[in-house]
Amino acid sequence: MKNGWCRCDDKIKIALASTHYYEEPCISGKNGSGTIFFSNCNLGCIYCQNYEISQGNKGKEITVEELAQIFLRQQEKRVNNINLVTPTMYAKQILEALKIAKKNGLNIPVIYNTNGYESIQTLKELEGYIDIYLPDLKYYSNELSQKYSKVNNYFEVATKAIKEMIRQVGKPVFNDDGIIQKGVIIRHLVLPNHIQNSKNILKWIKENINEEIYVSVMAQYFPTNKAKEDMFLNRKLNKKEYKEIENFLYTLDLKNGYIQELGDHEEEYVPDWDLSQIPQK
């Protein structure tokens, strides 16, 4: 079988299965998130921090049955959820694995952790099996999405996908420990020299999505892979840019969300999610 743009065939390939403590607090909590990092990607982001996995085909092939067993072993570790990272290319196989795992006792929330570039058809097939959607909303303009991720219709596709995700799972629901059980959290990574892109994205969320939606604004960007060669992306976010986005969030008065603190050193790029809730007016 010939591989497609995302470098995948009909076999599942994963790079890592682990307990992850560096997601948003309502996902990781004290027990961590049971993450499965899938190999390859349907985007070609030049700044991807996991490019060896997403673009370098790094990983190990497993069967649907083995994936189901991984889900169950994660649950045995008493993690808060099953976190499917970059699952898009394997959605059909993941669905089959979830069916098997649920028949064998999987009962914790399942997170679909995606770059946002999803087809409505695929999402509808997943309905009832995904509890929490964690989509990116990266770009407002097609010019940026083509330049940095090699797709020219990102905003149109991602915004339609996000609306479908919200239709499926509704408003966020949390347990007594503050851990999300159901809902959508929209993530946005702020890129240096592209503050207007971030403002446009956040403004769109404010004007088009129910105010109870959660938004996670990330400041962890650092230049890696091909981004080091780009004159606009070859540095980290600076304090002035970060402050401008922070202030803009306050003026929008988004009710629920997180903003990631700006690290002082490049080695801190792994998000520690020392987050402050966006204040209300």
C-alpha atoms as a PDB file:
ATOM      1  CA  MET A   1       0.000   0.000   0.000  1.00  0.00           C
ATOM      2  CA  LYS A   2       1.319   3.450  -0.953  1.00  0.00           C
ATOM      3  CA  ASN A   3       1.736   5.914   1.895  1.00  0.00           C
ATOM      4  CA  GLY A   4      -0.168   9.200   1.753  1.00  0.00           C
ATOM      5  CA  TRP A   5       0.878  12.770   2.525  1.00  0.00           C
ATOM      6  CA  CYS A   6       0.868  11.987   6.244  1.00  0.00           C
ATOM      7  CA  ARG A   7       3.398   9.155   5.651  1.00  0.00           C
ATOM      8  CA  CYS A   8       0.975   6.524   6.966  1.00  0.00           C
ATOM      9  CA  ASP A   9      -0.369   3.257   5.662  1.00  0.00           C
ATOM     10  CA  ASP A  10      -3.115   1.143   7.221  1.00  0.00           C
ATOM     11  CA  LYS A  11      -0.997   0.160  10.229  1.00  0.00           C
ATOM     12  CA  ILE A  12      -0.966   2.014  13.561  1.00  0.00           C
ATOM     13  CA  LYS A  13       2.362   3.523  14.531  1.00  0.00           C
ATOM     14  CA  ILE A  14       3.060   5.016  17.942  1.00  0.00           C
ATOM     15  CA  ALA A  15       6.148   6.737  19.300  1.00  0.00           C
ATOM     16  CA  LEU A  16       5.405   6.690  23.018  1.00  0.00           C
ATOM     17  CA  ALA A  17       2.828   5.707  25.621  1.00  0.00           C
ATOM     18  CA  SER A  18       3.372   7.377  28.979  1.00  0.00           C
ATOM     19  CA  THR A  19       1.878   9.199  31.942  1.00  0.00           C
ATOM     20  CA  HIS A  20       2.083  12.900  31.137  1.00  0.00           C
ATOM     21  CA  TYR A  21       1.953  15.626  33.788  1.00  0.00           C
ATOM     22  CA  TYR A  22       2.447  18.684  31.592  1.00  0.00           C
ATOM     23  CA  GLU A  23      -0.961  19.287  30.073  1.00  0.00           C
ATOM     24  CA  GLU A  24      -3.424  21.870  31.362  1.00  0.00           C
ATOM     25  CA  PRO A  25      -4.213  21.386  35.081  1.00  0.00           C
ATOM     26  CA  CYS A  26      -7.745  20.153  34.395  1.00  0.00           C
ATOM     27  CA  ILE A  27      -6.275  17.378  32.216  1.00  0.00           C
ATOM     28  CA  SER A  28      -3.155  16.267  34.093  1.00  0.00           C
ATOM     29  CA  GLY A  29      -4.130  16.950  37.685  1.00  0.00           C
ATOM     30  CA  LYS A  30      -2.178  14.934  40.243  1.00  0.00           C
ATOM     31  CA  ASN A  31      -2.517  11.553  38.537  1.00  0.00           C
ATOM     32  CA  GLY A  32      -1.375  12.594  35.082  1.00  0.00           C
ATOM     33  CA  SER A  33      -2.782  12.011  31.626  1.00  0.00           C
ATOM     34  CA  GLY A  34      -2.405   8.624  29.918  1.00  0.00           C
ATOM     35  CA  THR A  35      -0.903   9.794  26.648  1.00  0.00           C
ATOM     36  CA  ILE A  36      -0.298   7.863  23.459  1.00  0.00           C
ATOM     37  CA  PHE A  37       1.841   9.773  20.959  1.00  0.00           C
ATOM     38  CA  PHE A  38       1.025   8.634  17.433  1.00  0.00           C
ATOM     39  CA  SER A  39       3.678   8.829  14.723  1.00  0.00           C
ATOM     40  CA  ASN A  40       3.358  11.074  11.647  1.00  0.00           C
ATOM     41  CA  CYS A  41       0.950  13.951  10.999  1.00  0.00           C
ATOM     42  CA  ASN A  42      -1.428  15.360   8.405  1.00  0.00           C
ATOM     43  CA  LEU A  43       0.251  18.780   8.620  1.00  0.00           C
ATOM     44  CA  GLY A  44       3.823  19.744   7.804  1.00  0.00           C
ATOM     45  CA  CYS A  45       4.541  22.456  10.392  1.00  0.00           C
ATOM     46  CA  ILE A  46       8.064  23.774   9.974  1.00  0.00           C
ATOM     47  CA  TYR A  47       8.275  24.575  13.703  1.00  0.00           C
ATOM     48  CA  CYS A  48       6.925  21.287  15.085  1.00  0.00           C
ATOM     49  CA  GLN A  49       8.556  20.563  18.439  1.00  0.00           C
ATOM     50  CA  ASN A  50       8.010  16.829  17.921  1.00  0.00           C
ATOM     51  CA  TYR A  51       9.162  16.773  14.296  1.00  0.00           C
ATOM     52  CA  GLU A  52      11.116  13.522  14.704  1.00  0.00           C
ATOM     53  CA  ILE A  53       7.798  11.837  15.494  1.00  0.00           C
ATOM     54  CA  SER A  54       5.480  13.852  13.267  1.00  0.00           C
ATOM     55  CA  GLN A  55       7.710  14.095  10.187  1.00  0.00           C
ATOM     56  CA  GLY A  56      10.549  11.648  10.757  1.00  0.00           C
ATOM     57  CA  ASN A  57       8.374   8.509  10.912  1.00  0.00           C
ATOM     58  CA  LYS A  58       9.834   7.574  14.290  1.00  0.00           C
ATOM     59  CA  GLY A  59       7.855   4.935  16.146  1.00  0.00           C
ATOM     60  CA  LYS A  60       6.722   1.321  16.366  1.00  0.00           C
ATOM     61  CA  GLU A  61       3.930  -0.438  14.509  1.00  0.00           C
ATOM     62  CA  ILE A  62       1.249  -2.061  16.663  1.00  0.00           C
ATOM     63  CA  THR A  63      -2.077  -3.806  16.073  1.00  0.00           C
ATOM     64  CA  VAL A  64      -5.545  -2.574  16.984  1.00  0.00           C
ATOM     65  CA  GLU A  65      -5.665  -5.193  19.747  1.00  0.00           C
ATOM     66  CA  GLU A  66      -2.329  -4.023  21.147  1.00  0.00           C
ATOM     67  CA  LEU A  67      -3.581  -0.427  21.173  1.00  0.00           C
ATOM     68  CA  ALA A  68      -6.650  -1.509  23.119  1.00  0.00           C
ATOM     69  CA  GLN A  69      -4.370  -3.181  25.671  1.00  0.00           C
ATOM     70  CA  ILE A  70      -2.332   0.024  25.979  1.00  0.00           C
ATOM     71  CA  PHE A  71      -5.523   1.934  26.801  1.00  0.00           C
ATOM     72  CA  LEU A  72      -6.372  -0.551  29.538  1.00  0.00           C
ATOM     73  CA  ARG A  73      -2.827  -0.523  30.974  1.00  0.00           C
ATOM     74  CA  GLN A  74      -2.953   3.260  31.134  1.00  0.00           C
ATOM     75  CA  GLN A  75      -6.210   3.047  33.069  1.00  0.00           C
ATOM     76  CA  GLU A  76      -4.593   0.596  35.507  1.00  0.00           C
ATOM     77  CA  LYS A  77      -2.088   3.345  36.350  1.00  0.00           C
ATOM     78  CA  ARG A  78      -5.048   5.410  37.627  1.00  0.00           C
ATOM     79  CA  VAL A  79      -4.469   8.226  35.142  1.00  0.00           C
ATOM     80  CA  ASN A  80      -7.221  10.813  34.663  1.00  0.00           C
ATOM     81  CA  ASN A  81      -7.844  10.051  31.002  1.00  0.00           C
ATOM     82  CA  ILE A  82      -6.641   8.479  27.763  1.00  0.00           C
ATOM     83  CA  ASN A  83      -4.933  11.202  25.736  1.00  0.00           C
ATOM     84  CA  LEU A  84      -4.663  10.483  21.993  1.00  0.00           C
ATOM     85  CA  VAL A  85      -1.955  12.830  20.666  1.00  0.00           C
ATOM     86  CA  THR A  86      -2.038  13.499  16.894  1.00  0.00           C
ATOM     87  CA  PRO A  87      -4.544  10.698  16.272  1.00  0.00           C
ATOM     88  CA  THR A  88      -6.054  11.918  12.987  1.00  0.00           C
ATOM     89  CA  MET A  89      -4.323   9.526  10.587  1.00  0.00           C
ATOM     90  CA  TYR A  90      -5.358   6.487  12.633  1.00  0.00           C
ATOM     91  CA  ALA A  91      -8.911   7.494  13.560  1.00  0.00           C
ATOM     92  CA  LYS A  92     -10.550   4.370  12.164  1.00  0.00           C
ATOM     93  CA  GLN A  93      -8.102   2.019  13.899  1.00  0.00           C
ATOM     94  CA  ILE A  94      -8.378   4.001  17.147  1.00  0.00           C
ATOM     95  CA  LEU A  95     -12.160   3.674  17.004  1.00  0.00           C
ATOM     96  CA  GLU A  96     -11.882  -0.107  16.720  1.00  0.00           C
ATOM     97  CA  ALA A  97      -9.376  -0.197  19.590  1.00  0.00           C
ATOM     98  CA  LEU A  98     -11.700   1.898  21.760  1.00  0.00           C
ATOM     99  CA  LYS A  99     -14.588  -0.476  21.067  1.00  0.00           C
ATOM    100  CA  ILE A 100     -12.455  -3.399  22.225  1.00  0.00           C
ATOM    101  CA  ALA A 101     -11.129  -1.561  25.279  1.00  0.00           C
ATOM    102  CA  LYS A 102     -14.571  -0.370  26.385  1.00  0.00           C
ATOM    103  CA  LYS A 103     -15.903  -3.915  26.172  1.00  0.00           C
ATOM    104  CA  ASN A 104     -13.066  -4.878  28.505  1.00  0.00           C
ATOM    105  CA  GLY A 105     -13.625  -2.204  31.126  1.00  0.00           C
ATOM    106  CA  LEU A 106     -12.224   1.115  29.816  1.00  0.00           C
ATOM    107  CA  ASN A 107     -14.290   3.777  31.556  1.00  0.00           C
ATOM    108  CA  ILE A 108     -12.135   6.901  31.919  1.00  0.00           C
ATOM    109  CA  PRO A 109     -12.521   9.922  29.597  1.00  0.00           C
ATOM    110  CA  VAL A 110     -10.890   9.775  26.171  1.00  0.00           C
ATOM    111  CA  ILE A 111      -9.203  12.908  24.792  1.00  0.00           C
ATOM    112  CA  TYR A 112      -8.763  13.574  21.072  1.00  0.00           C
ATOM    113  CA  ASN A 113      -5.675  15.826  21.047  1.00  0.00           C
ATOM    114  CA  THR A 114      -5.501  17.217  17.513  1.00  0.00           C
ATOM    115  CA  ASN A 115      -4.004  19.957  15.349  1.00  0.00           C
ATOM    116  CA  GLY A 116      -7.561  20.875  14.341  1.00  0.00           C
ATOM    117  CA  TYR A 117      -7.255  19.898  10.687  1.00  0.00           C
ATOM    118  CA  GLU A 118     -10.031  17.313  10.763  1.00  0.00           C
ATOM    119  CA  SER A 119     -12.786  16.165   8.420  1.00  0.00           C
ATOM    120  CA  ILE A 120     -16.369  16.368   9.648  1.00  0.00           C
ATOM    121  CA  GLN A 121     -16.992  12.832   8.406  1.00  0.00           C
ATOM    122  CA  THR A 122     -14.195  11.412  10.566  1.00  0.00           C
ATOM    123  CA  LEU A 123     -15.378  13.309  13.625  1.00  0.00           C
ATOM    124  CA  LYS A 124     -18.935  12.043  13.187  1.00  0.00           C
ATOM    125  CA  GLU A 125     -17.651   8.472  13.090  1.00  0.00           C
ATOM    126  CA  LEU A 126     -15.977   9.094  16.457  1.00  0.00           C
ATOM    127  CA  GLU A 127     -19.107  10.488  18.097  1.00  0.00           C
ATOM    128  CA  GLY A 128     -19.881   8.736  21.361  1.00  0.00           C
ATOM    129  CA  TYR A 129     -16.322   7.443  21.785  1.00  0.00           C
ATOM    130  CA  ILE A 130     -14.540  10.752  22.428  1.00  0.00           C
ATOM    131  CA  ASP A 131     -15.320  12.630  25.635  1.00  0.00           C
ATOM    132  CA  ILE A 132     -12.953  15.578  25.339  1.00  0.00           C
ATOM    133  CA  TYR A 133     -11.698  17.337  22.236  1.00  0.00           C
ATOM    134  CA  LEU A 134      -8.429  19.252  22.512  1.00  0.00           C
ATOM    135  CA  PRO A 135      -8.004  20.965  19.121  1.00  0.00           C
ATOM    136  CA  ASP A 136      -5.460  23.542  18.055  1.00  0.00           C
ATOM    137  CA  LEU A 137      -6.597  26.630  16.228  1.00  0.00           C
ATOM    138  CA  LYS A 138      -3.338  27.742  14.662  1.00  0.00           C
ATOM    139  CA  TYR A 139      -3.929  30.205  11.832  1.00  0.00           C
ATOM    140  CA  TYR A 140      -6.441  32.800  10.746  1.00  0.00           C
ATOM    141  CA  SER A 141      -5.005  33.365   7.258  1.00  0.00           C
ATOM    142  CA  ASN A 142      -4.469  30.832   4.489  1.00  0.00           C
ATOM    143  CA  GLU A 143      -1.172  32.538   3.677  1.00  0.00           C
ATOM    144  CA  LEU A 144       0.262  31.567   7.062  1.00  0.00           C
ATOM    145  CA  SER A 145      -1.132  28.040   7.022  1.00  0.00           C
ATOM    146  CA  GLN A 146       0.352  27.387   3.603  1.00  0.00           C
ATOM    147  CA  LYS A 147       3.706  28.901   4.533  1.00  0.00           C
ATOM    148  CA  TYR A 148       4.133  27.212   7.884  1.00  0.00           C
ATOM    149  CA  SER A 149       2.049  24.013   7.726  1.00  0.00           C
ATOM    150  CA  LYS A 150       1.680  23.324   3.987  1.00  0.00           C
ATOM    151  CA  VAL A 151      -2.130  23.497   3.842  1.00  0.00           C
ATOM    152  CA  ASN A 152      -4.054  26.368   2.285  1.00  0.00           C
ATOM    153  CA  ASN A 153      -7.480  25.997   3.898  1.00  0.00           C
ATOM    154  CA  TYR A 154      -6.632  25.449   7.558  1.00  0.00           C
ATOM    155  CA  PHE A 155      -8.898  28.060   9.156  1.00  0.00           C
ATOM    156  CA  GLU A 156     -11.984  26.993   7.212  1.00  0.00           C
ATOM    157  CA  VAL A 157     -11.445  23.298   7.979  1.00  0.00           C
ATOM    158  CA  ALA A 158     -10.434  23.749  11.628  1.00  0.00           C
ATOM    159  CA  THR A 159     -13.270  26.100  12.587  1.00  0.00           C
ATOM    160  CA  LYS A 160     -15.888  23.786  11.076  1.00  0.00           C
ATOM    161  CA  ALA A 161     -14.271  20.870  12.900  1.00  0.00           C
ATOM    162  CA  ILE A 162     -14.304  22.701  16.227  1.00  0.00           C
ATOM    163  CA  LYS A 163     -18.002  23.499  15.866  1.00  0.00           C
ATOM    164  CA  GLU A 164     -18.676  19.799  15.205  1.00  0.00           C
ATOM    165  CA  MET A 165     -16.647  18.844  18.284  1.00  0.00           C
ATOM    166  CA  ILE A 166     -18.681  21.215  20.431  1.00  0.00           C
ATOM    167  CA  ARG A 167     -21.916  19.859  18.960  1.00  0.00           C
ATOM    168  CA  GLN A 168     -20.882  16.357  20.004  1.00  0.00           C
ATOM    169  CA  VAL A 169     -19.690  16.878  23.559  1.00  0.00           C
ATOM    170  CA  GLY A 170     -21.290  20.147  24.624  1.00  0.00           C
ATOM    171  CA  LYS A 171     -20.242  22.388  27.484  1.00  0.00           C
ATOM    172  CA  PRO A 172     -17.251  21.433  29.673  1.00  0.00           C
ATOM    173  CA  VAL A 173     -18.010  19.184  32.642  1.00  0.00           C
ATOM    174  CA  PHE A 174     -15.587  18.707  35.558  1.00  0.00           C
ATOM    175  CA  ASN A 175     -15.481  16.277  38.463  1.00  0.00           C
ATOM    176  CA  ASP A 176     -15.121  17.284  42.117  1.00  0.00           C
ATOM    177  CA  ASP A 177     -11.321  17.398  41.746  1.00  0.00           C
ATOM    178  CA  GLY A 178     -11.516  19.875  38.855  1.00  0.00           C
ATOM    179  CA  ILE A 179     -10.582  17.296  36.211  1.00  0.00           C
ATOM    180  CA  ILE A 180     -12.410  17.687  32.910  1.00  0.00           C
ATOM    181  CA  GLN A 181     -14.741  14.806  32.054  1.00  0.00           C
ATOM    182  CA  LYS A 182     -16.340  16.144  28.897  1.00  0.00           C
ATOM    183  CA  GLY A 183     -16.051  19.178  26.630  1.00  0.00           C
ATOM    184  CA  VAL A 184     -13.717  21.117  24.349  1.00  0.00           C
ATOM    185  CA  ILE A 185     -10.591  23.128  25.113  1.00  0.00           C
ATOM    186  CA  ILE A 186      -9.273  25.155  22.165  1.00  0.00           C
ATOM    187  CA  ARG A 187      -5.504  25.582  22.151  1.00  0.00           C
ATOM    188  CA  HIS A 188      -3.610  28.353  20.398  1.00  0.00           C
ATOM    189  CA  LEU A 189       0.176  28.636  20.163  1.00  0.00           C
ATOM    190  CA  VAL A 190       1.368  32.248  19.874  1.00  0.00           C
ATOM    191  CA  LEU A 191       4.038  32.639  17.187  1.00  0.00           C
ATOM    192  CA  PRO A 192       6.676  35.406  17.281  1.00  0.00           C
ATOM    193  CA  ASN A 193       6.113  38.236  14.805  1.00  0.00           C
ATOM    194  CA  HIS A 194       2.540  37.042  14.254  1.00  0.00           C
ATOM    195  CA  ILE A 195       0.636  38.651  17.101  1.00  0.00           C
ATOM    196  CA  GLN A 196      -2.174  39.815  14.818  1.00  0.00           C
ATOM    197  CA  ASN A 197      -2.797  36.206  13.835  1.00  0.00           C
ATOM    198  CA  SER A 198      -3.312  35.353  17.513  1.00  0.00           C
ATOM    199  CA  LYS A 199      -5.606  38.332  18.030  1.00  0.00           C
ATOM    200  CA  ASN A 200      -7.728  37.334  15.042  1.00  0.00           C
ATOM    201  CA  ILE A 201      -8.013  33.762  16.325  1.00  0.00           C
ATOM    202  CA  LEU A 202      -8.986  34.805  19.840  1.00  0.00           C
ATOM    203  CA  LYS A 203     -11.471  37.378  18.540  1.00  0.00           C
ATOM    204  CA  TRP A 204     -13.074  34.727  16.336  1.00  0.00           C
ATOM    205  CA  ILE A 205     -13.458  32.411  19.326  1.00  0.00           C
ATOM    206  CA  LYS A 206     -15.062  35.184  21.349  1.00  0.00           C
ATOM    207  CA  GLU A 207     -17.523  36.072  18.584  1.00  0.00           C
ATOM    208  CA  ASN A 208     -18.396  32.607  17.305  1.00  0.00           C
ATOM    209  CA  ILE A 209     -18.178  30.108  20.164  1.00  0.00           C
ATOM    210  CA  ASN A 210     -20.257  29.777  23.325  1.00  0.00           C
ATOM    211  CA  GLU A 211     -18.698  31.814  26.129  1.00  0.00           C
ATOM    212  CA  GLU A 212     -18.396  28.721  28.314  1.00  0.00           C
ATOM    213  CA  ILE A 213     -15.722  27.289  26.017  1.00  0.00           C
ATOM    214  CA  TYR A 214     -12.246  26.908  27.492  1.00  0.00           C
ATOM    215  CA  VAL A 215      -9.274  28.463  25.695  1.00  0.00           C
ATOM    216  CA  SER A 216      -5.631  27.601  26.336  1.00  0.00           C
ATOM    217  CA  VAL A 217      -3.111  30.172  25.091  1.00  0.00           C
ATOM    218  CA  MET A 218       0.393  28.734  24.851  1.00  0.00           C
ATOM    219  CA  ALA A 219       3.639  30.710  24.994  1.00  0.00           C
ATOM    220  CA  GLN A 220       6.018  27.756  24.746  1.00  0.00           C
ATOM    221  CA  TYR A 221       7.157  28.391  21.165  1.00  0.00           C
ATOM    222  CA  PHE A 222      10.847  28.048  20.412  1.00  0.00           C
ATOM    223  CA  PRO A 223      12.579  27.745  17.016  1.00  0.00           C
ATOM    224  CA  THR A 224      13.282  24.184  15.983  1.00  0.00           C
ATOM    225  CA  ASN A 225      13.479  22.144  12.808  1.00  0.00           C
ATOM    226  CA  LYS A 226      13.087  24.342   9.684  1.00  0.00           C
ATOM    227  CA  ALA A 227      11.802  27.305  11.706  1.00  0.00           C
ATOM    228  CA  LYS A 228      15.406  28.180  12.550  1.00  0.00           C
ATOM    229  CA  GLU A 229      15.804  29.230   8.915  1.00  0.00           C
ATOM    230  CA  ASP A 230      12.719  31.456   8.832  1.00  0.00           C
ATOM    231  CA  MET A 231      13.358  35.160   9.512  1.00  0.00           C
ATOM    232  CA  PHE A 232      10.051  35.526  11.388  1.00  0.00           C
ATOM    233  CA  LEU A 233      10.122  32.318  13.437  1.00  0.00           C
ATOM    234  CA  ASN A 234      13.826  32.007  14.306  1.00  0.00           C
ATOM    235  CA  ARG A 235      13.420  33.278  17.865  1.00  0.00           C
ATOM    236  CA  LYS A 236      11.258  32.740  20.920  1.00  0.00           C
ATOM    237  CA  LEU A 237       8.306  34.890  21.839  1.00  0.00           C
ATOM    238  CA  ASN A 238       9.461  38.052  23.634  1.00  0.00           C
ATOM    239  CA  LYS A 239       7.945  39.652  26.715  1.00  0.00           C
ATOM    240  CA  LYS A 240       6.401  42.528  24.772  1.00  0.00           C
ATOM    241  CA  GLU A 241       4.543  40.150  22.458  1.00  0.00           C
ATOM    242  CA  TYR A 242       3.431  37.996  25.366  1.00  0.00           C
ATOM    243  CA  LYS A 243       2.132  41.013  27.282  1.00  0.00           C
ATOM    244  CA  GLU A 244       0.255  42.272  24.215  1.00  0.00           C
ATOM    245  CA  ILE A 245      -1.600  38.975  23.891  1.00  0.00           C
ATOM    246  CA  GLU A 246      -2.237  38.818  27.629  1.00  0.00           C
ATOM    247  CA  ASN A 247      -3.758  42.310  27.596  1.00  0.00           C
ATOM    248  CA  PHE A 248      -5.825  41.465  24.529  1.00  0.00           C
ATOM    249  CA  LEU A 249      -7.278  38.449  26.314  1.00  0.00           C
ATOM    250  CA  TYR A 250      -8.404  40.682  29.155  1.00  0.00           C
ATOM    251  CA  THR A 251     -10.131  43.097  26.775  1.00  0.00           C
ATOM    252  CA  LEU A 252     -11.977  40.220  25.112  1.00  0.00           C
ATOM    253  CA  ASP A 253     -13.179  39.057  28.521  1.00  0.00           C
ATOM    254  CA  LEU A 254     -13.038  35.371  27.669  1.00  0.00           C
ATOM    255  CA  LYS A 255     -14.608  33.712  30.679  1.00  0.00           C
ATOM    256  CA  ASN A 256     -12.714  30.439  30.903  1.00  0.00           C
ATOM    257  CA  GLY A 257      -9.179  29.472  30.070  1.00  0.00           C
ATOM    258  CA  TYR A 258      -5.498  29.350  30.719  1.00  0.00           C
ATOM    259  CA  ILE A 259      -2.512  31.359  29.626  1.00  0.00           C
ATOM    260  CA  GLN A 260       0.877  29.697  29.814  1.00  0.00           C
ATOM    261  CA  GLU A 261       3.644  31.641  31.526  1.00  0.00           C
ATOM    262  CA  LEU A 262       6.522  32.774  29.345  1.00  0.00           C
ATOM    263  CA  GLY A 263       9.731  30.802  30.037  1.00  0.00           C
ATOM    264  CA  ASP A 264      13.038  32.637  30.359  1.00  0.00           C
ATOM    265  CA  HIS A 265      15.239  29.911  28.910  1.00  0.00           C
ATOM    266  CA  GLU A 266      15.060  27.784  25.784  1.00  0.00           C
ATOM    267  CA  GLU A 267      15.458  24.561  27.734  1.00  0.00           C
ATOM    268  CA  GLU A 268      12.121  25.299  29.412  1.00  0.00           C
ATOM    269  CA  TYR A 269      10.180  24.745  26.207  1.00  0.00           C
ATOM    270  CA  VAL A 270       8.476  21.676  27.670  1.00  0.00           C
ATOM    271  CA  PRO A 271       5.326  23.263  29.114  1.00  0.00           C
ATOM    272  CA  ASP A 272       5.133  23.149  32.889  1.00  0.00           C
ATOM    273  CA  TRP A 273       1.650  24.659  32.719  1.00  0.00           C
ATOM    274  CA  ASP A 274       2.243  26.989  35.619  1.00  0.00           C
ATOM    275  CA  LEU A 275      -0.933  28.693  34.531  1.00  0.00           C
ATOM    276  CA  SER A 276      -3.023  31.541  35.779  1.00  0.00           C
ATOM    277  CA  GLN A 277      -6.722  31.618  35.033  1.00  0.00           C
ATOM    278  CA  ILE A 278      -7.726  34.478  32.779  1.00  0.00           C
ATOM    279  CA  PRO A 279      -9.347  37.000  35.140  1.00  0.00           C
ATOM    280  CA  GLN A 280     -12.882  38.165  34.699  1.00  0.00           C
ATOM    281  CA  LYS A 281     -13.800  41.838  34.677  1.00  0.00           C
END
